[in-house]
Protein backbone atom coordinates (compact mmCIF):
# COMPACT_ATOMS: atom_id res chain seq x y z
CA MET A 1 0.00 0.00 0.00
CA LYS A 2 1.33 3.43 -0.94
CA LEU A 3 1.58 5.99 1.85
CA ALA A 4 0.34 9.53 1.24
CA PRO A 5 3.33 11.94 1.18
CA ALA A 6 2.01 14.22 3.93
CA ARG A 7 1.29 11.33 6.32
CA GLN A 8 4.65 9.72 5.61
CA ALA A 9 6.50 12.98 6.24
CA ALA A 10 4.40 13.64 9.35
CA LEU A 11 5.29 10.26 10.85
CA ARG A 12 8.98 10.87 10.23
CA PHE A 13 8.70 14.31 11.81
CA LEU A 14 6.87 12.97 14.86
CA ALA A 15 9.47 10.26 15.40
CA ALA A 16 12.34 12.76 15.19
CA LEU A 17 10.58 15.24 17.46
CA GLU A 18 9.95 12.57 20.09
CA LEU A 19 13.65 11.69 20.16
CA ASP A 20 14.45 15.37 20.63
CA LEU A 21 11.92 15.75 23.45
CA ASP A 22 13.16 12.59 25.16
CA GLY A 23 16.70 13.97 24.96
CA GLY A 24 15.69 17.21 26.67
CA GLY A 25 15.88 19.36 23.54
CA ALA A 26 15.21 23.01 24.29
CA GLU A 27 14.38 24.32 20.81
CA ALA A 28 10.96 25.93 20.84
CA ASP A 29 10.85 27.78 17.52
CA TRP A 30 8.10 25.71 15.95
CA ASP A 31 8.02 27.58 12.64
CA ALA A 32 11.78 27.19 12.13
CA LEU A 33 11.52 23.49 12.94
CA GLN A 34 8.69 23.08 10.45
CA GLU A 35 10.52 24.96 7.71
CA ARG A 36 13.42 22.51 7.82
CA TRP A 37 11.05 19.61 7.30
CA LEU A 38 9.06 21.33 4.59
CA ALA A 39 12.16 21.11 2.39
CA ASP A 40 11.52 17.35 2.13
CA PRO A 41 10.89 16.40 -1.55
CA LEU A 42 7.87 14.46 -0.35
CA LEU A 43 6.20 17.81 0.32
CA ALA A 44 6.70 19.49 -3.04
CA ASP A 45 2.94 19.80 -3.56
CA PRO A 46 1.45 22.76 -1.62
CA ARG A 47 -1.54 20.61 -0.65
CA ASP A 48 0.78 18.09 1.00
CA ARG A 49 2.60 20.90 2.79
CA ARG A 50 -0.67 22.21 4.22
CA LEU A 51 -1.74 18.74 5.36
CA PHE A 52 1.69 18.10 6.89
CA ARG A 53 1.44 21.30 8.93
CA GLN A 54 -2.06 20.45 10.10
CA LEU A 55 -1.18 16.88 11.05
CA THR A 56 2.02 17.64 12.91
CA ALA A 57 0.71 20.67 14.80
CA GLY A 58 -2.46 18.83 15.76
CA VAL A 59 -0.77 15.68 17.01
CA VAL A 60 1.90 17.55 18.97
CA ARG A 61 -0.58 19.99 20.50
CA LEU A 62 -2.87 17.12 21.58
CA ARG A 63 -0.08 14.68 22.48
CA GLY A 64 -1.13 14.39 26.13
CA ARG A 65 -4.79 13.86 25.29
CA LEU A 66 -4.01 11.35 22.53
CA ASP A 67 -1.73 9.35 24.81
CA ALA A 68 -4.37 9.22 27.55
CA ARG A 69 -6.91 7.92 25.06
CA LEU A 70 -4.44 5.38 23.68
CA ARG A 71 -3.81 4.04 27.18
CA ARG A 72 -7.53 3.43 27.56
CA LEU A 73 -7.88 2.01 24.05
CA THR A 74 -4.94 -0.40 24.26
CA GLY A 75 -4.86 -1.11 27.99
CA ARG A 76 -1.12 -0.40 27.98
CA GLU A 77 0.80 2.31 29.84
CA SER A 78 3.61 2.48 27.27
CA LEU A 79 3.94 1.58 23.61
CA ASP A 80 6.71 0.84 21.15
CA PRO A 81 7.54 4.19 19.46
CA VAL A 82 6.60 3.06 15.95
CA PRO A 83 2.99 1.96 16.61
CA ARG A 84 2.66 4.75 19.19
CA ASP A 85 3.37 7.44 16.57
CA ALA A 86 1.14 5.72 14.02
CA LEU A 87 -1.71 5.41 16.50
CA ARG A 88 -1.36 9.01 17.66
CA LEU A 89 -1.58 10.23 14.08
CA ALA A 90 -4.44 7.89 13.23
CA LEU A 91 -6.45 8.84 16.30
CA TYR A 92 -5.96 12.53 15.59
CA GLN A 93 -7.20 12.12 12.02
CA LEU A 94 -10.13 9.91 12.97
CA GLU A 95 -11.35 12.16 15.79
CA HIS A 96 -10.43 15.64 14.55
CA MET A 97 -10.38 15.50 10.72
CA ASP A 98 -13.68 14.01 9.64
CA ARG A 99 -13.09 14.66 5.93
CA LEU A 100 -10.45 11.94 5.77
CA PRO A 101 -11.82 8.44 5.01
CA ALA A 102 -11.30 6.08 7.96
CA HIS A 103 -10.23 3.15 5.77
CA ALA A 104 -7.35 5.19 4.32
CA VAL A 105 -6.22 6.42 7.73
CA ILE A 106 -6.27 2.93 9.22
CA GLY A 107 -4.71 1.27 6.17
CA GLU A 108 -1.79 3.69 5.98
CA SER A 109 -1.18 3.54 9.73
CA VAL A 110 -0.97 -0.24 9.66
CA GLU A 111 1.25 -0.13 6.56
CA TRP A 112 3.68 2.24 8.33
CA VAL A 113 3.99 -0.16 11.26
CA LYS A 114 4.24 -3.18 8.96
CA ARG A 115 7.31 -1.71 7.24
CA ARG A 116 9.09 -0.95 10.52
CA ARG A 117 7.69 -3.36 13.13
CA PRO A 118 6.09 -6.22 11.15
CA ARG A 119 5.23 -8.20 14.27
CA LEU A 120 3.13 -5.29 15.61
CA ALA A 121 1.15 -4.54 12.44
CA ALA A 122 -1.76 -6.89 13.21
CA TRP A 123 -1.93 -5.58 16.79
CA THR A 124 -2.04 -1.98 15.49
CA ASN A 125 -4.82 -2.90 13.08
CA ALA A 126 -6.79 -4.51 15.91
CA GLN A 127 -6.58 -1.37 18.06
CA LEU A 128 -7.90 0.84 15.27
CA ARG A 129 -10.68 -1.60 14.41
CA ASN A 130 -11.66 -1.61 18.09
CA TRP A 131 -11.88 2.18 17.91
CA GLN A 132 -14.11 1.90 14.83
CA ARG A 133 -16.45 -0.47 16.64
CA GLY A 134 -16.77 1.32 19.95
CA GLY A 135 -14.49 4.32 20.28
CA VAL A 136 -12.29 4.71 23.35
CA PRO A 137 -13.57 2.87 26.45
CA GLY A 138 -13.81 4.41 29.90
CA GLU A 139 -14.18 8.00 31.05
CA GLU A 140 -11.82 10.94 31.19
CA PRO A 141 -10.69 12.04 34.66
CA SER A 142 -12.55 15.02 36.08
CA ALA A 143 -10.83 18.14 37.34
CA ALA A 144 -12.38 17.60 40.77
CA ASP A 145 -11.08 14.04 41.13
CA ASP A 146 -7.58 14.40 39.66
CA TRP A 147 -6.55 17.89 38.53
CA GLU A 148 -3.28 16.97 36.83
CA ALA A 149 -4.63 13.86 35.11
CA HIS A 150 -7.57 15.93 33.85
CA ALA A 151 -5.21 18.61 32.51
CA GLU A 152 -3.24 16.08 30.48
CA ALA A 153 -6.10 13.85 29.36
CA VAL A 154 -8.58 16.59 28.44
CA HIS A 155 -6.53 19.72 27.70
CA SER A 156 -3.16 18.21 26.80
CA ILE A 157 -1.35 20.41 29.34
CA PRO A 158 1.43 18.98 31.55
CA GLY A 159 0.17 18.44 35.07
CA TRP A 160 2.85 20.56 36.76
CA LEU A 161 1.92 23.54 34.61
CA ALA A 162 -1.81 23.14 35.24
CA THR A 163 -1.15 23.05 38.98
CA ARG A 164 0.99 26.19 38.79
CA TRP A 165 -1.77 28.03 36.91
CA ARG A 166 -4.39 26.87 39.43
CA ASP A 167 -2.24 27.97 42.38
CA GLU A 168 -1.62 31.41 40.83
CA HIS A 169 -5.00 32.13 39.20
CA GLY A 170 -7.60 29.74 40.66
CA ASP A 171 -9.42 26.75 39.16
CA ALA A 172 -11.74 28.59 36.77
CA ARG A 173 -9.07 30.83 35.28
CA ALA A 174 -6.61 27.94 34.95
CA LEU A 175 -9.21 25.90 33.05
CA ALA A 176 -9.82 28.90 30.78
CA PHE A 177 -6.06 29.16 30.12
CA MET A 178 -5.91 25.47 29.20
CA ALA A 179 -8.83 25.76 26.81
CA ALA A 180 -7.31 28.84 25.17
CA VAL A 181 -3.87 27.38 24.52
CA GLY A 182 -5.42 24.16 23.23
CA ALA A 183 -7.13 25.86 20.31
CA ALA A 184 -5.36 26.17 16.96
CA PRO A 185 -4.36 29.84 16.70
CA ALA A 186 -5.05 32.26 13.89
CA TYR A 187 -1.93 33.90 12.49
CA CYS A 188 -1.31 37.61 12.98
CA PHE A 189 0.63 39.92 10.68
CA ARG A 190 2.20 43.36 10.94
CA TRP A 191 2.18 45.81 8.05
CA ASN A 192 5.57 47.44 7.35
CA ALA A 193 5.22 51.08 8.46
CA LEU A 194 7.66 52.15 5.71
CA ARG A 195 5.40 50.88 2.93
CA GLU A 196 2.09 51.99 1.47
CA GLY A 197 -0.90 49.93 0.33
CA ARG A 198 -2.08 48.22 3.51
CA GLU A 199 -5.79 48.71 2.81
CA ALA A 200 -5.40 47.46 -0.75
CA LEU A 201 -3.81 44.26 0.54
CA LEU A 202 -6.57 43.71 3.10
CA ASP A 203 -9.19 44.20 0.39
CA ALA A 204 -7.39 41.65 -1.80
CA LEU A 205 -7.30 39.13 1.06
CA ARG A 206 -11.02 39.52 1.68
CA GLU A 207 -11.77 39.15 -2.02
CA ALA A 208 -9.77 35.90 -1.96
CA GLY A 209 -12.07 34.60 0.78
CA ALA A 210 -9.84 35.15 3.81
CA GLU A 211 -11.35 36.17 7.14
CA VAL A 212 -9.41 39.31 8.14
CA GLU A 213 -9.71 41.06 11.51
CA PRO A 214 -8.00 44.16 12.97
CA LEU A 215 -5.93 43.82 16.15
CA ASP A 216 -6.91 45.70 19.28
CA GLY A 217 -4.10 48.03 20.31
CA ALA A 218 -1.95 47.26 17.25
CA PRO A 219 -3.10 49.60 14.45
CA LEU A 220 -0.87 48.14 11.72
CA GLY A 221 -1.68 44.55 12.60
CA PHE A 222 -4.32 42.16 11.35
CA ARG A 223 -5.36 38.57 11.97
CA VAL A 224 -6.05 36.06 9.18
CA ARG A 225 -8.09 32.91 9.74
CA GLY A 226 -7.89 30.01 7.35
CA ALA A 227 -5.55 29.43 4.42
CA TRP A 228 -3.17 32.18 3.37
CA PRO A 229 -4.09 33.66 -0.04
CA ALA A 230 -1.35 34.13 -2.63
CA ALA A 231 -1.48 37.90 -2.12
CA LEU A 232 -0.47 37.45 1.52
CA ARG A 233 2.46 35.20 0.64
CA GLU A 234 3.65 37.73 -1.92
CA ALA A 235 3.45 40.52 0.67
CA LEU A 236 5.55 38.44 3.07
CA GLU A 237 8.18 37.78 0.43
CA ASP A 238 8.57 41.39 -0.69
CA GLY A 239 8.72 42.89 2.79
CA ARG A 240 5.34 44.58 3.06
CA VAL A 241 4.24 42.25 5.85
CA SER A 242 5.77 40.28 8.74
CA VAL A 243 4.34 37.43 10.80
CA GLN A 244 4.05 38.61 14.41
CA ASP A 245 1.51 37.73 17.08
CA ALA A 246 -0.72 40.47 18.43
CA SER A 247 0.85 40.65 21.89
CA SER A 248 4.33 41.14 20.40
CA GLN A 249 3.19 43.87 18.00
CA ARG A 250 2.44 46.18 20.93
CA ILE A 251 5.96 46.05 22.39
CA ALA A 252 7.90 48.44 20.13
CA PRO A 253 5.31 51.25 20.42
CA LEU A 254 5.47 50.99 24.22
CA LEU A 255 9.14 51.98 24.12
CA ASP A 256 8.89 55.00 21.82
CA ALA A 257 5.23 56.09 21.98
CA ARG A 258 5.83 58.91 24.47
CA ASP A 259 8.35 60.47 22.07
CA GLY A 260 6.37 59.76 18.89
CA ALA A 261 6.81 56.89 16.47
CA GLN A 262 9.00 58.92 14.13
CA ALA A 263 11.17 60.36 16.92
CA PRO A 264 14.88 60.33 16.06
CA GLY A 265 17.41 58.81 18.42
CA ASP A 266 19.41 55.71 19.14
CA TYR A 267 17.64 52.55 20.24
CA ALA A 268 18.61 48.96 20.95
CA ASP A 269 17.05 45.55 21.36
CA LEU A 270 19.57 43.80 23.59
CA CYS A 271 18.30 40.22 23.14
CA ALA A 272 17.23 40.78 19.57
CA ALA A 273 16.84 37.41 17.85
CA PRO A 274 14.68 36.37 16.08
CA GLY A 275 14.16 40.05 15.32
CA GLY A 276 10.47 40.84 15.09
CA LYS A 277 10.49 43.54 17.75
CA CYS A 278 13.77 45.23 16.77
CA CYS A 279 12.67 45.33 13.13
CA HIS A 280 9.41 46.92 14.26
CA LEU A 281 11.40 49.55 16.18
CA ALA A 282 13.44 50.26 13.06
CA GLU A 283 10.35 50.46 10.85
CA ARG A 284 8.78 53.01 13.16
CA GLY A 285 11.83 55.28 13.10
CA GLY A 286 12.72 54.93 9.42
CA ASP A 287 15.94 56.70 8.44
CA ARG A 288 15.70 59.02 11.48
CA ARG A 289 16.61 56.29 13.96
CA GLU A 290 19.48 53.85 14.43
CA VAL A 291 18.60 50.54 16.04
CA VAL A 292 21.22 48.17 17.45
CA ALA A 293 20.22 44.50 17.39
CA LEU A 294 22.43 42.75 19.92
CA ASP A 295 22.33 39.01 20.56
CA ILE A 296 24.65 36.30 21.83
CA ASP A 297 23.79 33.88 18.98
CA ALA A 298 25.50 34.70 15.67
CA GLY A 299 23.34 32.28 13.69
CA ARG A 300 20.11 33.82 14.93
CA LEU A 301 21.50 37.31 14.31
CA GLY A 302 21.96 36.34 10.68
CA LYS A 303 18.22 35.77 10.48
CA VAL A 304 17.63 39.22 11.98
CA LEU A 305 19.76 40.79 9.25
CA ALA A 306 18.01 38.80 6.53
CA ASN A 307 14.67 39.97 7.84
CA ALA A 308 15.90 43.58 8.00
CA GLU A 309 16.98 43.37 4.36
CA ARG A 310 13.59 41.98 3.35
CA LEU A 311 11.89 44.89 5.10
CA GLY A 312 14.21 47.55 3.66
CA LEU A 313 15.66 48.64 7.02
CA VAL A 314 18.86 50.55 6.32
CA ARG A 315 19.66 51.73 9.85
CA LEU A 316 19.48 48.46 11.77
CA ARG A 317 22.91 47.26 12.88
CA ALA A 318 23.59 43.82 14.33
CA GLU A 319 26.16 43.10 17.03
CA CYS A 320 27.01 39.64 18.36
CA ALA A 321 27.87 39.80 22.06
CA ASP A 322 26.85 38.63 25.51
CA LEU A 323 24.94 41.55 27.00
CA ARG A 324 26.41 40.83 30.43
CA VAL A 325 29.95 41.66 29.26
CA ALA A 326 29.29 43.92 26.25
CA ALA A 327 30.51 47.52 26.45
CA PRO A 328 27.44 49.72 27.01
CA ARG A 329 26.72 53.06 25.35
CA PRO A 330 24.09 55.68 26.29
CA LEU A 331 20.92 55.25 24.24
CA ASP A 332 17.51 56.92 24.11
CA GLY A 333 15.52 53.71 24.31
CA VAL A 334 16.46 50.15 25.27
CA LEU A 335 14.33 47.05 24.84
CA LEU A 336 15.26 43.99 26.87
CA ASP A 337 13.21 41.19 25.33
CA ALA A 338 14.63 38.73 27.82
CA PRO A 339 14.97 34.94 27.50
CA CYS A 340 12.08 33.39 29.40
CA SER A 341 9.97 30.29 29.95
CA ALA A 342 7.89 31.27 26.87
CA LEU A 343 4.69 30.00 28.47
CA GLY A 344 2.85 32.67 26.52
CA THR A 345 3.72 30.95 23.23
CA LEU A 346 2.17 27.54 23.86
CA ALA A 347 -0.62 28.09 21.35
CA LEU A 348 1.79 29.14 18.58
CA ASN A 349 4.46 26.54 19.42
CA PRO A 350 2.70 23.20 19.97
CA ASP A 351 5.88 21.50 21.21
CA ALA A 352 6.77 24.16 23.81
CA ARG A 353 4.50 22.72 26.50
CA TRP A 354 6.41 19.43 26.33
CA ARG A 355 9.84 21.09 26.46
CA ARG A 356 9.39 23.27 29.53
CA ARG A 357 10.39 22.03 32.98
CA PRO A 358 9.43 23.65 36.31
CA GLU A 359 13.04 23.88 37.44
CA GLU A 360 13.87 26.12 34.46
CA ILE A 361 11.82 29.04 35.76
CA PRO A 362 14.05 29.99 38.75
CA ARG A 363 17.13 29.67 36.53
CA LEU A 364 15.62 31.93 33.89
CA ALA A 365 14.53 34.45 36.52
CA ALA A 366 18.12 34.66 37.78
CA LEU A 367 19.36 35.26 34.23
CA GLN A 368 16.74 37.97 33.70
CA ARG A 369 17.96 39.80 36.80
CA GLU A 370 21.51 39.77 35.43
CA LEU A 371 20.38 41.03 32.05
CA LEU A 372 18.30 43.84 33.57
CA VAL A 373 21.35 45.07 35.49
CA ALA A 374 23.40 45.01 32.29
CA ALA A 375 20.67 46.65 30.18
CA ALA A 376 20.34 49.57 32.60
CA ALA A 377 23.88 50.67 31.76
CA TRP A 378 22.80 51.28 28.14
CA VAL A 379 20.14 53.86 29.06
CA ARG A 380 21.12 57.53 29.04
CA PRO A 381 19.70 59.90 31.68
CA GLY A 382 16.17 60.68 30.51
CA GLY A 383 16.09 57.54 28.37
CA ARG A 384 13.70 54.61 28.71
CA LEU A 385 14.09 50.92 29.45
CA LEU A 386 11.38 48.46 28.43
CA TYR A 387 11.55 44.92 29.85
CA ALA A 388 9.44 42.32 28.05
CA VAL A 389 8.90 38.56 28.27
CA CYS A 390 6.49 36.23 26.48
CA THR A 391 5.37 34.59 29.71
CA PHE A 392 3.33 35.46 32.79
CA THR A 393 4.94 33.70 35.76
CA PRO A 394 5.34 36.05 38.76
CA GLU A 395 9.07 35.26 39.00
CA GLU A 396 9.69 36.50 35.47
CA THR A 397 7.33 39.47 35.47
CA VAL A 398 6.23 41.62 38.40
CA ARG A 399 9.01 40.35 40.68
CA GLN A 400 11.59 41.43 38.12
CA ARG A 401 10.08 44.93 38.11
CA GLU A 402 9.96 45.11 41.89
CA GLY A 403 13.51 43.89 42.32
CA PHE A 404 14.96 46.16 39.65
CA LEU A 405 13.27 49.34 40.81
CA ALA A 406 14.21 48.64 44.43
CA ALA A 407 17.86 48.21 43.45
CA ARG A 408 17.93 51.14 41.01
CA PRO A 409 16.33 54.28 42.48
CA ASP A 410 17.77 56.20 39.52
CA PHE A 411 15.02 54.57 37.40
CA ALA A 412 11.41 55.70 37.78
CA PRO A 413 8.47 53.47 36.78
CA GLU A 414 6.45 54.75 33.84
CA PRO A 415 3.10 52.90 33.80
CA PHE A 416 1.21 52.49 30.54
CA GLY A 417 -1.79 54.73 30.04
CA ALA A 418 -5.21 54.27 28.49
CA ASP A 419 -3.92 56.01 25.36
CA GLU A 420 -1.34 53.23 24.91
CA LEU A 421 -3.14 50.02 25.88
CA PRO A 422 -6.75 48.84 26.32
CA ALA A 423 -7.79 48.31 29.94
CA ALA A 424 -7.95 44.54 29.43
CA LEU A 425 -4.22 44.52 28.66
CA ARG A 426 -3.06 46.59 31.64
CA SER A 427 -2.39 45.19 35.10
CA ALA A 428 -3.50 46.94 38.26
CA GLY A 429 -0.01 48.44 38.49
CA GLY A 430 -0.06 49.78 34.94
CA ASP A 431 2.13 47.09 33.38
CA TYR A 432 1.37 45.40 30.06
CA LEU A 433 -0.11 41.98 30.79
CA VAL A 434 -1.72 39.54 28.36
CA LEU A 435 -3.11 36.27 29.70
CA PRO A 436 -4.08 33.27 27.54
CA ASP A 437 -7.84 33.60 27.92
CA VAL A 438 -7.73 37.25 26.86
CA GLU A 439 -6.14 36.95 23.43
CA ASP A 440 -5.34 34.01 21.14
CA GLY A 441 -4.03 31.79 23.94
CA SER A 442 -0.95 34.01 24.26
CA GLY A 443 0.84 35.54 27.23
CA MET A 444 3.02 38.65 27.42
CA TYR A 445 4.33 41.03 30.06
CA ALA A 446 6.23 44.32 29.94
CA PHE A 447 7.13 47.14 32.27
CA ARG A 448 8.66 50.50 31.37
CA CYS A 449 10.86 52.81 33.39
CA ARG A 450 12.78 56.03 32.74
CA ARG A 451 16.26 56.85 33.93
CA ARG A 452 16.11 59.99 36.01
CA GLU A 453 17.93 63.04 34.66
CA THR A 454 19.79 63.75 37.92
CA PRO A 455 20.30 62.12 41.33
CA ALA A 456 18.38 65.04 42.84
CA GLU A 457 15.31 64.04 40.80
CA GLY A 458 15.47 60.62 42.39
CA ARG A 459 15.67 62.07 45.91
CA SER A 460 12.72 64.40 45.33
CA ALA A 461 10.71 61.46 44.03
CA GLY A 462 11.28 59.69 47.32
């Protein structure tokens, strides 16, 4: 039996990803991971590429739920990797993609196992036929009876993370978070501020049948649901548009909004890769602003430069250095988009939930404190520092603000106002805070402060 190219490539991808996860791999850039696999000759047809993306994202996002159902279906706690991957993919297609004929799904799954584990092919076939006859036996655990088992079996969220969310936000909010990050996200895009024709592109997308929505608090952004029309792909290639989630699109304006988007000056993104926010800063300033993109990873900086070239950014300069030892210089605005647990990206990066470990959070918080100390040295008197992370743990957010401002009285907090952010995106203390049940399953935090002009200003401020 011939295997469909997309399913064959998806099974190879899932096997490789599982080895990476078992080995403790920390890569969480889902799109970059996918792009490497999309170069497979098996996926030359755009239809196969689309199906590959759908299959892999769906299986990885629902990995915990699928495994819980497979344990009930097979009566086994663990499975050989080959039939396990085939059964995960089959169950996902049978239960979540009703347009695919069951006989093809089952036949190809059994064929995959037959080629790699011949002795387990008949057993695999029997499990799928049992599903056809009666579905998955038994009941899913309830949140009241077993919180962590419920989180994994129903929402496909690791138990430790579900417990953390419950402890910090309560049962109802934690369940809302889990539901939000479990949904397949719509992609968001940012129009290049240096280019014209945004409305014409949006009209073309709507004419092509795309569902296009504006983004609250991000005037150049828009959300597209469904397949990407050719006009959108062309706009991405020629630099009119960038892929960037809604919560990230608000970051650059929070650094320079008080001075005006076109304000001249020198700015920096001190943990710049992969470059979305520093390129946005450069777009907003045009040729009136120099932006330094500093990062410790030379390979990722290369991607920043390639993106800057695509967007036509002539005054973005990349520097490869460790911020903690780099020589500082006085700048008007500094963005510290710090390394973090990335728990606000679980919807966009289906594998991220399986990569994170609870012990990483204190380590990352310690690194963030070091980077904040180093970043402060780059801010001139009167200049601004914006700290941002794509997560919402207390250790990486409000505690960083509290600790930094207590240690640095020469920096004054500058809360965000109603003219900068909608009320739903501002914390009680005036910080930027996005939680998963508010927008697209994402999470983001930022605080802003200004370096006082003189020590006397700090004393008078108390």
